[in-house]
Amino acid sequence: MDNPFVIFGLEVLKVTGIQLLGVFGIFFFLGFLLSLFQTWTNNNYMRAFGWKGVLWTAWIGTPFHELGHYFFAKLFRHKIEKVALFEPNAETGGLGHVEHSYKKSSIYQTLGNFFIGAAPMIFGVGILTLLMYFILPNGKEIIAMLLNARASLTTLSQTIPDVFLMIFAKEHLTSWYFWLFLYISFAISAHIAPSKYDRKGMWSGFVWIVIIMLLVNSTALLLRFDITDYILHSAGYLNVFTAIALYALVMSILHYLFTLFIITPLRMMKQARN
């Protein structure tokens, strides 16, 4: 362990791991939970109503899901071959798709695969943020509160309960704007998670993110400069994303409970009577 090259290599791996965890850890964790509840919810709808049961949210959620893919595919200069924002197919179970190709020799385009795969979650959170800002009467105050709490996850965790109280304020319950926002939130949250196919395509891009960070950290440490604090401080701006993603997760959980305790029993009672 006295070998300076081994010590240096371990230090590069250590700081890179901390940075990756700080920037992407919560993203992967929330994405996993959103995908889990999305699958469970859709399974409940399919058991109750058949394949068409998912369409009452898919007609809104799927176009935003696919628009996310389209936006990031264009941003990373992929060739768009076909776009279907909402094209339900009972045989394949597909609801929409964006077909694209890229030059494998291009690091930029290959790196883009990560963001294209993660796009439904990134884009969906962005849309929910805009809807919250423009539809809810106190939306501007909610976003401002989240921005002020971006310094750390601890500060954010202390702010989130107040945010939810502001969203579900008593005076909102009599406003059709709130119920419209709630329904769209259900619809987007039900289709916000990257699909199995999306997740598979993300890894080639993530590999390049890791390689680039290893190279950057190697150079920085050779110059006796640790950029970890800078990266983790910059990642604080992602706390707003985290908060809205948590809102989407809560909507997904409520949606799942709705299908579990209301939709499924009602369907079973109807089938029993028939």
C-alpha atoms as a PDB file:
ATOM      1  CA  MET A   1       0.000   0.000   0.000  1.00  0.00           C
ATOM      2  CA  ASP A   2       3.070   2.272   0.051  1.00  0.00           C
ATOM      3  CA  ASN A   3       3.082   2.382  -3.731  1.00  0.00           C
ATOM      4  CA  PRO A   4       2.322   6.039  -4.638  1.00  0.00           C
ATOM      5  CA  PHE A   5       0.547   5.018  -7.841  1.00  0.00           C
ATOM      6  CA  VAL A   6      -1.828   2.733  -5.900  1.00  0.00           C
ATOM      7  CA  ILE A   7      -2.462   5.429  -3.297  1.00  0.00           C
ATOM      8  CA  PHE A   8      -3.143   7.994  -6.012  1.00  0.00           C
ATOM      9  CA  GLY A   9      -5.430   5.619  -7.896  1.00  0.00           C
ATOM     10  CA  LEU A  10      -7.428   4.835  -4.742  1.00  0.00           C
ATOM     11  CA  GLU A  11      -7.786   8.543  -3.986  1.00  0.00           C
ATOM     12  CA  VAL A  12      -9.079   9.199  -7.518  1.00  0.00           C
ATOM     13  CA  LEU A  13     -11.599   6.359  -7.140  1.00  0.00           C
ATOM     14  CA  LYS A  14     -12.650   7.643  -3.723  1.00  0.00           C
ATOM     15  CA  VAL A  15     -13.337  11.246  -4.726  1.00  0.00           C
ATOM     16  CA  THR A  16     -15.002  10.162  -7.985  1.00  0.00           C
ATOM     17  CA  GLY A  17     -17.276   7.774  -6.088  1.00  0.00           C
ATOM     18  CA  ILE A  18     -18.260  10.510  -3.613  1.00  0.00           C
ATOM     19  CA  GLN A  19     -19.020  12.915  -6.459  1.00  0.00           C
ATOM     20  CA  LEU A  20     -21.057  10.366  -8.417  1.00  0.00           C
ATOM     21  CA  LEU A  21     -23.035   9.456  -5.307  1.00  0.00           C
ATOM     22  CA  GLY A  22     -23.616  13.118  -4.452  1.00  0.00           C
ATOM     23  CA  VAL A  23     -24.797  14.054  -7.938  1.00  0.00           C
ATOM     24  CA  PHE A  24     -26.543  10.899  -9.159  1.00  0.00           C
ATOM     25  CA  GLY A  25     -27.317   8.871  -6.036  1.00  0.00           C
ATOM     26  CA  ILE A  26     -30.674  10.424  -5.185  1.00  0.00           C
ATOM     27  CA  PHE A  27     -31.606  10.428  -8.890  1.00  0.00           C
ATOM     28  CA  PHE A  28     -31.107   6.670  -9.206  1.00  0.00           C
ATOM     29  CA  PHE A  29     -32.866   6.012  -5.885  1.00  0.00           C
ATOM     30  CA  LEU A  30     -35.955   8.061  -6.754  1.00  0.00           C
ATOM     31  CA  GLY A  31     -35.995   6.661 -10.298  1.00  0.00           C
ATOM     32  CA  PHE A  32     -36.025   3.131  -8.888  1.00  0.00           C
ATOM     33  CA  LEU A  33     -38.963   3.916  -6.570  1.00  0.00           C
ATOM     34  CA  LEU A  34     -40.917   5.732  -9.282  1.00  0.00           C
ATOM     35  CA  SER A  35     -40.437   2.801 -11.649  1.00  0.00           C
ATOM     36  CA  LEU A  36     -41.553   0.366  -8.954  1.00  0.00           C
ATOM     37  CA  PHE A  37     -44.806   2.185  -8.113  1.00  0.00           C
ATOM     38  CA  GLN A  38     -45.471   2.868 -11.800  1.00  0.00           C
ATOM     39  CA  THR A  39     -45.300  -0.868 -12.542  1.00  0.00           C
ATOM     40  CA  TRP A  40     -47.495  -1.795  -9.575  1.00  0.00           C
ATOM     41  CA  THR A  41     -50.100   0.860 -10.454  1.00  0.00           C
ATOM     42  CA  ASN A  42     -50.298  -0.133 -14.113  1.00  0.00           C
ATOM     43  CA  ASN A  43     -50.593  -3.805 -13.130  1.00  0.00           C
ATOM     44  CA  ASN A  44     -53.586  -2.949 -10.923  1.00  0.00           C
ATOM     45  CA  TYR A  45     -55.270  -1.084 -13.781  1.00  0.00           C
ATOM     46  CA  MET A  46     -54.646  -3.948 -16.193  1.00  0.00           C
ATOM     47  CA  ARG A  47     -56.054  -6.497 -13.759  1.00  0.00           C
ATOM     48  CA  ALA A  48     -59.137  -4.336 -13.229  1.00  0.00           C
ATOM     49  CA  PHE A  49     -59.844  -3.048 -16.746  1.00  0.00           C
ATOM     50  CA  GLY A  50     -57.456  -4.830 -19.080  1.00  0.00           C
ATOM     51  CA  TRP A  51     -54.688  -3.162 -21.039  1.00  0.00           C
ATOM     52  CA  LYS A  52     -56.785  -0.020 -21.725  1.00  0.00           C
ATOM     53  CA  GLY A  53     -56.919   0.723 -18.016  1.00  0.00           C
ATOM     54  CA  VAL A  54     -53.647   2.669 -18.169  1.00  0.00           C
ATOM     55  CA  LEU A  55     -54.879   4.991 -20.912  1.00  0.00           C
ATOM     56  CA  TRP A  56     -56.686   7.452 -18.626  1.00  0.00           C
ATOM     57  CA  THR A  57     -53.291   8.719 -17.471  1.00  0.00           C
ATOM     58  CA  ALA A  58     -51.204   7.663 -20.487  1.00  0.00           C
ATOM     59  CA  TRP A  59     -52.861  10.091 -22.898  1.00  0.00           C
ATOM     60  CA  ILE A  60     -51.222  12.932 -20.958  1.00  0.00           C
ATOM     61  CA  GLY A  61     -48.249  11.214 -19.343  1.00  0.00           C
ATOM     62  CA  THR A  62     -46.894   9.396 -22.398  1.00  0.00           C
ATOM     63  CA  PRO A  63     -46.542  12.472 -24.675  1.00  0.00           C
ATOM     64  CA  PHE A  64     -44.471  14.220 -21.992  1.00  0.00           C
ATOM     65  CA  HIS A  65     -42.432  11.025 -21.546  1.00  0.00           C
ATOM     66  CA  GLU A  66     -41.657  10.893 -25.262  1.00  0.00           C
ATOM     67  CA  LEU A  67     -41.106  14.645 -25.571  1.00  0.00           C
ATOM     68  CA  GLY A  68     -38.368  14.250 -22.983  1.00  0.00           C
ATOM     69  CA  HIS A  69     -36.655  11.638 -25.161  1.00  0.00           C
ATOM     70  CA  TYR A  70     -37.071  13.823 -28.253  1.00  0.00           C
ATOM     71  CA  PHE A  71     -35.706  16.977 -26.581  1.00  0.00           C
ATOM     72  CA  PHE A  72     -32.541  15.312 -25.281  1.00  0.00           C
ATOM     73  CA  ALA A  73     -32.008  13.309 -28.467  1.00  0.00           C
ATOM     74  CA  LYS A  74     -31.977  16.600 -30.383  1.00  0.00           C
ATOM     75  CA  LEU A  75     -29.774  18.248 -27.747  1.00  0.00           C
ATOM     76  CA  PHE A  76     -27.165  15.505 -28.136  1.00  0.00           C
ATOM     77  CA  ARG A  77     -27.404  15.591 -31.938  1.00  0.00           C
ATOM     78  CA  HIS A  78     -28.896  12.156 -32.457  1.00  0.00           C
ATOM     79  CA  LYS A  79     -30.658  11.492 -35.730  1.00  0.00           C
ATOM     80  CA  ILE A  80     -34.428  11.364 -35.153  1.00  0.00           C
ATOM     81  CA  GLU A  81     -35.958   8.643 -37.295  1.00  0.00           C
ATOM     82  CA  LYS A  82     -39.517   8.428 -35.993  1.00  0.00           C
ATOM     83  CA  VAL A  83     -41.615  10.091 -33.298  1.00  0.00           C
ATOM     84  CA  ALA A  84     -44.916   8.783 -31.903  1.00  0.00           C
ATOM     85  CA  LEU A  85     -45.913  10.833 -28.865  1.00  0.00           C
ATOM     86  CA  PHE A  86     -48.956   8.663 -28.173  1.00  0.00           C
ATOM     87  CA  GLU A  87     -49.495   5.468 -30.130  1.00  0.00           C
ATOM     88  CA  PRO A  88     -51.024   2.746 -27.908  1.00  0.00           C
ATOM     89  CA  ASN A  89     -50.360  -0.774 -29.122  1.00  0.00           C
ATOM     90  CA  ALA A  90     -52.197  -3.560 -27.314  1.00  0.00           C
ATOM     91  CA  GLU A  91     -49.999  -6.258 -28.846  1.00  0.00           C
ATOM     92  CA  THR A  92     -46.660  -4.836 -27.716  1.00  0.00           C
ATOM     93  CA  GLY A  93     -47.918  -2.877 -24.717  1.00  0.00           C
ATOM     94  CA  GLY A  94     -46.176   0.219 -26.080  1.00  0.00           C
ATOM     95  CA  LEU A  95     -47.728   3.643 -25.652  1.00  0.00           C
ATOM     96  CA  GLY A  96     -45.355   5.794 -27.722  1.00  0.00           C
ATOM     97  CA  HIS A  97     -41.770   5.895 -28.908  1.00  0.00           C
ATOM     98  CA  VAL A  98     -38.932   8.007 -30.257  1.00  0.00           C
ATOM     99  CA  GLU A  99     -36.598   6.170 -32.609  1.00  0.00           C
ATOM    100  CA  HIS A 100     -33.141   7.689 -32.958  1.00  0.00           C
ATOM    101  CA  SER A 101     -29.626   6.730 -33.938  1.00  0.00           C
ATOM    102  CA  TYR A 102     -26.182   8.123 -33.222  1.00  0.00           C
ATOM    103  CA  LYS A 103     -22.535   7.869 -34.180  1.00  0.00           C
ATOM    104  CA  LYS A 104     -20.868   5.447 -31.796  1.00  0.00           C
ATOM    105  CA  SER A 105     -17.554   7.121 -32.567  1.00  0.00           C
ATOM    106  CA  SER A 106     -18.874  10.366 -31.022  1.00  0.00           C
ATOM    107  CA  ILE A 107     -18.246  10.643 -27.280  1.00  0.00           C
ATOM    108  CA  TYR A 108     -20.760  13.505 -27.045  1.00  0.00           C
ATOM    109  CA  GLN A 109     -23.541  11.529 -28.714  1.00  0.00           C
ATOM    110  CA  THR A 110     -22.743   8.369 -26.750  1.00  0.00           C
ATOM    111  CA  LEU A 111     -22.700  10.308 -23.473  1.00  0.00           C
ATOM    112  CA  GLY A 112     -26.097  11.653 -24.475  1.00  0.00           C
ATOM    113  CA  ASN A 113     -27.591   8.172 -24.161  1.00  0.00           C
ATOM    114  CA  PHE A 114     -27.638   8.611 -20.393  1.00  0.00           C
ATOM    115  CA  PHE A 115     -29.651  11.832 -20.555  1.00  0.00           C
ATOM    116  CA  ILE A 116     -31.924  10.533 -23.326  1.00  0.00           C
ATOM    117  CA  GLY A 117     -32.750   7.466 -21.231  1.00  0.00           C
ATOM    118  CA  ALA A 118     -33.255   9.548 -18.085  1.00  0.00           C
ATOM    119  CA  ALA A 119     -35.183  12.213 -20.019  1.00  0.00           C
ATOM    120  CA  PRO A 120     -38.731  11.243 -18.931  1.00  0.00           C
ATOM    121  CA  MET A 121     -37.811  11.857 -15.306  1.00  0.00           C
ATOM    122  CA  ILE A 122     -35.825  15.044 -15.996  1.00  0.00           C
ATOM    123  CA  PHE A 123     -38.410  16.466 -18.395  1.00  0.00           C
ATOM    124  CA  GLY A 124     -41.356  15.325 -16.268  1.00  0.00           C
ATOM    125  CA  VAL A 125     -39.974  17.047 -13.175  1.00  0.00           C
ATOM    126  CA  GLY A 126     -39.453  20.186 -15.256  1.00  0.00           C
ATOM    127  CA  ILE A 127     -43.077  20.126 -16.452  1.00  0.00           C
ATOM    128  CA  LEU A 128     -44.379  19.558 -12.902  1.00  0.00           C
ATOM    129  CA  THR A 129     -42.295  22.522 -11.729  1.00  0.00           C
ATOM    130  CA  LEU A 130     -43.780  24.764 -14.425  1.00  0.00           C
ATOM    131  CA  LEU A 131     -47.311  23.562 -13.670  1.00  0.00           C
ATOM    132  CA  MET A 132     -46.788  24.196  -9.968  1.00  0.00           C
ATOM    133  CA  TYR A 133     -45.432  27.666 -10.699  1.00  0.00           C
ATOM    134  CA  PHE A 134     -48.186  28.764 -13.081  1.00  0.00           C
ATOM    135  CA  ILE A 135     -51.311  26.864 -11.950  1.00  0.00           C
ATOM    136  CA  LEU A 136     -51.169  26.921  -8.146  1.00  0.00           C
ATOM    137  CA  PRO A 137     -52.008  30.354  -6.683  1.00  0.00           C
ATOM    138  CA  ASN A 138     -49.033  30.082  -4.318  1.00  0.00           C
ATOM    139  CA  GLY A 139     -46.800  28.294  -6.833  1.00  0.00           C
ATOM    140  CA  LYS A 140     -44.260  31.115  -7.005  1.00  0.00           C
ATOM    141  CA  GLU A 141     -43.861  31.053  -3.215  1.00  0.00           C
ATOM    142  CA  ILE A 142     -43.407  27.259  -3.247  1.00  0.00           C
ATOM    143  CA  ILE A 143     -40.637  27.383  -5.860  1.00  0.00           C
ATOM    144  CA  ALA A 144     -38.967  30.295  -4.061  1.00  0.00           C
ATOM    145  CA  MET A 145     -39.011  28.311  -0.814  1.00  0.00           C
ATOM    146  CA  LEU A 146     -37.398  25.316  -2.525  1.00  0.00           C
ATOM    147  CA  LEU A 147     -34.712  27.518  -4.082  1.00  0.00           C
ATOM    148  CA  ASN A 148     -33.900  28.988  -0.688  1.00  0.00           C
ATOM    149  CA  ALA A 149     -33.605  25.477   0.773  1.00  0.00           C
ATOM    150  CA  ARG A 150     -31.220  24.147  -1.859  1.00  0.00           C
ATOM    151  CA  ALA A 151     -28.119  24.504   0.326  1.00  0.00           C
ATOM    152  CA  SER A 152     -28.313  20.959   1.689  1.00  0.00           C
ATOM    153  CA  LEU A 153     -30.520  17.885   1.802  1.00  0.00           C
ATOM    154  CA  THR A 154     -31.023  18.521   5.529  1.00  0.00           C
ATOM    155  CA  THR A 155     -32.430  21.987   4.876  1.00  0.00           C
ATOM    156  CA  LEU A 156     -34.522  20.616   2.037  1.00  0.00           C
ATOM    157  CA  SER A 157     -35.947  17.798   4.192  1.00  0.00           C
ATOM    158  CA  GLN A 158     -37.022  20.381   6.760  1.00  0.00           C
ATOM    159  CA  THR A 159     -38.719  22.463   4.062  1.00  0.00           C
ATOM    160  CA  ILE A 160     -40.579  19.692   2.210  1.00  0.00           C
ATOM    161  CA  PRO A 161     -43.359  19.234   4.831  1.00  0.00           C
ATOM    162  CA  ASP A 162     -44.148  22.952   4.586  1.00  0.00           C
ATOM    163  CA  VAL A 163     -44.181  22.684   0.795  1.00  0.00           C
ATOM    164  CA  PHE A 164     -46.735  19.877   0.873  1.00  0.00           C
ATOM    165  CA  LEU A 165     -48.903  21.845   3.296  1.00  0.00           C
ATOM    166  CA  MET A 166     -48.795  24.751   0.856  1.00  0.00           C
ATOM    167  CA  ILE A 167     -49.706  22.517  -2.097  1.00  0.00           C
ATOM    168  CA  PHE A 168     -52.611  20.863  -0.281  1.00  0.00           C
ATOM    169  CA  ALA A 169     -53.767  24.035   1.433  1.00  0.00           C
ATOM    170  CA  LYS A 170     -57.402  24.039   2.561  1.00  0.00           C
ATOM    171  CA  GLU A 171     -58.329  26.927   0.281  1.00  0.00           C
ATOM    172  CA  HIS A 172     -57.073  24.965  -2.745  1.00  0.00           C
ATOM    173  CA  LEU A 173     -59.653  22.203  -2.266  1.00  0.00           C
ATOM    174  CA  THR A 174     -62.430  24.387  -3.640  1.00  0.00           C
ATOM    175  CA  SER A 175     -60.466  25.487  -6.704  1.00  0.00           C
ATOM    176  CA  TRP A 176     -60.760  23.598  -9.977  1.00  0.00           C
ATOM    177  CA  TYR A 177     -57.221  24.773 -10.795  1.00  0.00           C
ATOM    178  CA  PHE A 178     -55.921  22.634  -7.933  1.00  0.00           C
ATOM    179  CA  TRP A 179     -57.812  19.516  -9.069  1.00  0.00           C
ATOM    180  CA  LEU A 180     -56.589  20.035 -12.629  1.00  0.00           C
ATOM    181  CA  PHE A 181     -53.033  20.299 -11.315  1.00  0.00           C
ATOM    182  CA  LEU A 182     -53.568  17.173  -9.199  1.00  0.00           C
ATOM    183  CA  TYR A 183     -54.878  15.124 -12.131  1.00  0.00           C
ATOM    184  CA  ILE A 184     -52.055  16.187 -14.442  1.00  0.00           C
ATOM    185  CA  SER A 185     -49.616  15.392 -11.617  1.00  0.00           C
ATOM    186  CA  PHE A 186     -51.096  11.896 -11.375  1.00  0.00           C
ATOM    187  CA  ALA A 187     -50.848  11.451 -15.145  1.00  0.00           C
ATOM    188  CA  ILE A 188     -47.266  12.667 -15.492  1.00  0.00           C
ATOM    189  CA  SER A 189     -46.069  10.848 -12.361  1.00  0.00           C
ATOM    190  CA  ALA A 190     -47.609   7.608 -13.639  1.00  0.00           C
ATOM    191  CA  HIS A 191     -45.336   7.720 -16.707  1.00  0.00           C
ATOM    192  CA  ILE A 192     -42.336   9.695 -15.470  1.00  0.00           C
ATOM    193  CA  ALA A 193     -39.999   6.774 -14.787  1.00  0.00           C
ATOM    194  CA  PRO A 194     -37.627   5.595 -17.524  1.00  0.00           C
ATOM    195  CA  SER A 195     -38.796   2.296 -19.017  1.00  0.00           C
ATOM    196  CA  LYS A 196     -36.753  -0.906 -18.918  1.00  0.00           C
ATOM    197  CA  TYR A 197     -35.618  -0.141 -22.470  1.00  0.00           C
ATOM    198  CA  ASP A 198     -34.700   3.427 -21.457  1.00  0.00           C
ATOM    199  CA  ARG A 199     -32.638   2.218 -18.508  1.00  0.00           C
ATOM    200  CA  LYS A 200     -30.776  -0.258 -20.690  1.00  0.00           C
ATOM    201  CA  GLY A 201     -29.769   2.507 -23.090  1.00  0.00           C
ATOM    202  CA  MET A 202     -28.545   4.817 -20.310  1.00  0.00           C
ATOM    203  CA  TRP A 203     -25.503   2.794 -19.291  1.00  0.00           C
ATOM    204  CA  SER A 204     -23.287   3.468 -22.297  1.00  0.00           C
ATOM    205  CA  GLY A 205     -23.646   7.181 -21.587  1.00  0.00           C
ATOM    206  CA  PHE A 206     -23.097   6.768 -17.864  1.00  0.00           C
ATOM    207  CA  VAL A 207     -19.850   4.889 -18.510  1.00  0.00           C
ATOM    208  CA  TRP A 208     -18.530   7.958 -20.318  1.00  0.00           C
ATOM    209  CA  ILE A 209     -19.640  10.212 -17.443  1.00  0.00           C
ATOM    210  CA  VAL A 210     -17.601   8.031 -15.076  1.00  0.00           C
ATOM    211  CA  ILE A 211     -14.573   8.036 -17.415  1.00  0.00           C
ATOM    212  CA  ILE A 212     -14.669  11.825 -17.797  1.00  0.00           C
ATOM    213  CA  MET A 213     -14.956  12.338 -14.039  1.00  0.00           C
ATOM    214  CA  LEU A 214     -12.034   9.958 -13.443  1.00  0.00           C
ATOM    215  CA  LEU A 215      -9.893  11.933 -15.895  1.00  0.00           C
ATOM    216  CA  VAL A 216     -10.915  15.283 -14.433  1.00  0.00           C
ATOM    217  CA  ASN A 217     -10.229  14.121 -10.875  1.00  0.00           C
ATOM    218  CA  SER A 218      -6.878  12.613 -11.879  1.00  0.00           C
ATOM    219  CA  THR A 219      -5.815  15.922 -13.396  1.00  0.00           C
ATOM    220  CA  ALA A 220      -7.128  17.939 -10.435  1.00  0.00           C
ATOM    221  CA  LEU A 221      -5.383  15.752  -7.851  1.00  0.00           C
ATOM    222  CA  LEU A 222      -2.113  15.885  -9.790  1.00  0.00           C
ATOM    223  CA  LEU A 223      -2.404  19.652  -9.457  1.00  0.00           C
ATOM    224  CA  ARG A 224      -3.137  19.141  -5.713  1.00  0.00           C
ATOM    225  CA  PHE A 225      -6.694  20.405  -6.064  1.00  0.00           C
ATOM    226  CA  ASP A 226      -9.773  18.487  -4.864  1.00  0.00           C
ATOM    227  CA  ILE A 227     -12.929  19.567  -6.711  1.00  0.00           C
ATOM    228  CA  THR A 228     -15.295  17.448  -4.578  1.00  0.00           C
ATOM    229  CA  ASP A 229     -16.571  20.348  -2.448  1.00  0.00           C
ATOM    230  CA  TYR A 230     -17.170  22.444  -5.555  1.00  0.00           C
ATOM    231  CA  ILE A 231     -19.141  19.668  -7.284  1.00  0.00           C
ATOM    232  CA  LEU A 232     -21.203  18.847  -4.198  1.00  0.00           C
ATOM    233  CA  HIS A 233     -21.938  22.546  -3.643  1.00  0.00           C
ATOM    234  CA  SER A 234     -23.029  22.921  -7.283  1.00  0.00           C
ATOM    235  CA  ALA A 235     -25.185  19.809  -6.901  1.00  0.00           C
ATOM    236  CA  GLY A 236     -27.185  21.768  -4.334  1.00  0.00           C
ATOM    237  CA  TYR A 237     -29.085  23.303  -7.229  1.00  0.00           C
ATOM    238  CA  LEU A 238     -30.381  19.804  -7.958  1.00  0.00           C
ATOM    239  CA  ASN A 239     -32.199  19.828  -4.608  1.00  0.00           C
ATOM    240  CA  VAL A 240     -35.114  21.631  -6.242  1.00  0.00           C
ATOM    241  CA  PHE A 241     -35.238  18.770  -8.761  1.00  0.00           C
ATOM    242  CA  THR A 242     -35.132  16.331  -5.839  1.00  0.00           C
ATOM    243  CA  ALA A 243     -38.034  18.056  -4.098  1.00  0.00           C
ATOM    244  CA  ILE A 244     -40.275  17.982  -7.179  1.00  0.00           C
ATOM    245  CA  ALA A 245     -39.250  14.366  -7.847  1.00  0.00           C
ATOM    246  CA  LEU A 246     -40.302  13.566  -4.275  1.00  0.00           C
ATOM    247  CA  TYR A 247     -43.652  15.216  -5.004  1.00  0.00           C
ATOM    248  CA  ALA A 248     -43.960  12.985  -8.082  1.00  0.00           C
ATOM    249  CA  LEU A 249     -43.115   9.974  -5.904  1.00  0.00           C
ATOM    250  CA  VAL A 250     -45.827  10.915  -3.392  1.00  0.00           C
ATOM    251  CA  MET A 251     -48.308  11.243  -6.274  1.00  0.00           C
ATOM    252  CA  SER A 252     -47.212   7.821  -7.541  1.00  0.00           C
ATOM    253  CA  ILE A 253     -47.708   6.278  -4.096  1.00  0.00           C
ATOM    254  CA  LEU A 254     -51.158   7.868  -3.711  1.00  0.00           C
ATOM    255  CA  HIS A 255     -52.047   6.719  -7.215  1.00  0.00           C
ATOM    256  CA  TYR A 256     -50.980   3.165  -6.378  1.00  0.00           C
ATOM    257  CA  LEU A 257     -53.012   3.190  -3.135  1.00  0.00           C
ATOM    258  CA  PHE A 258     -56.016   4.500  -5.091  1.00  0.00           C
ATOM    259  CA  THR A 259     -55.828   1.560  -7.499  1.00  0.00           C
ATOM    260  CA  LEU A 260     -55.171  -0.902  -4.677  1.00  0.00           C
ATOM    261  CA  PHE A 261     -57.925   0.092  -2.273  1.00  0.00           C
ATOM    262  CA  ILE A 262     -60.580   1.616  -4.562  1.00  0.00           C
ATOM    263  CA  ILE A 263     -60.251   0.527  -8.196  1.00  0.00           C
ATOM    264  CA  THR A 264     -59.352  -3.122  -7.569  1.00  0.00           C
ATOM    265  CA  PRO A 265     -62.097  -3.810  -4.937  1.00  0.00           C
ATOM    266  CA  LEU A 266     -64.767  -2.045  -7.021  1.00  0.00           C
ATOM    267  CA  ARG A 267     -63.840  -4.116 -10.056  1.00  0.00           C
ATOM    268  CA  MET A 268     -63.883  -7.316  -7.997  1.00  0.00           C
ATOM    269  CA  MET A 269     -67.346  -6.449  -6.614  1.00  0.00           C
ATOM    270  CA  LYS A 270     -68.667  -5.789 -10.123  1.00  0.00           C
ATOM    271  CA  GLN A 271     -67.256  -9.083 -11.395  1.00  0.00           C
ATOM    272  CA  ALA A 272     -68.790 -10.921  -8.420  1.00  0.00           C
ATOM    273  CA  ARG A 273     -72.243  -9.492  -9.200  1.00  0.00           C
ATOM    274  CA  ASN A 274     -71.925 -10.556 -12.843  1.00  0.00           C
END
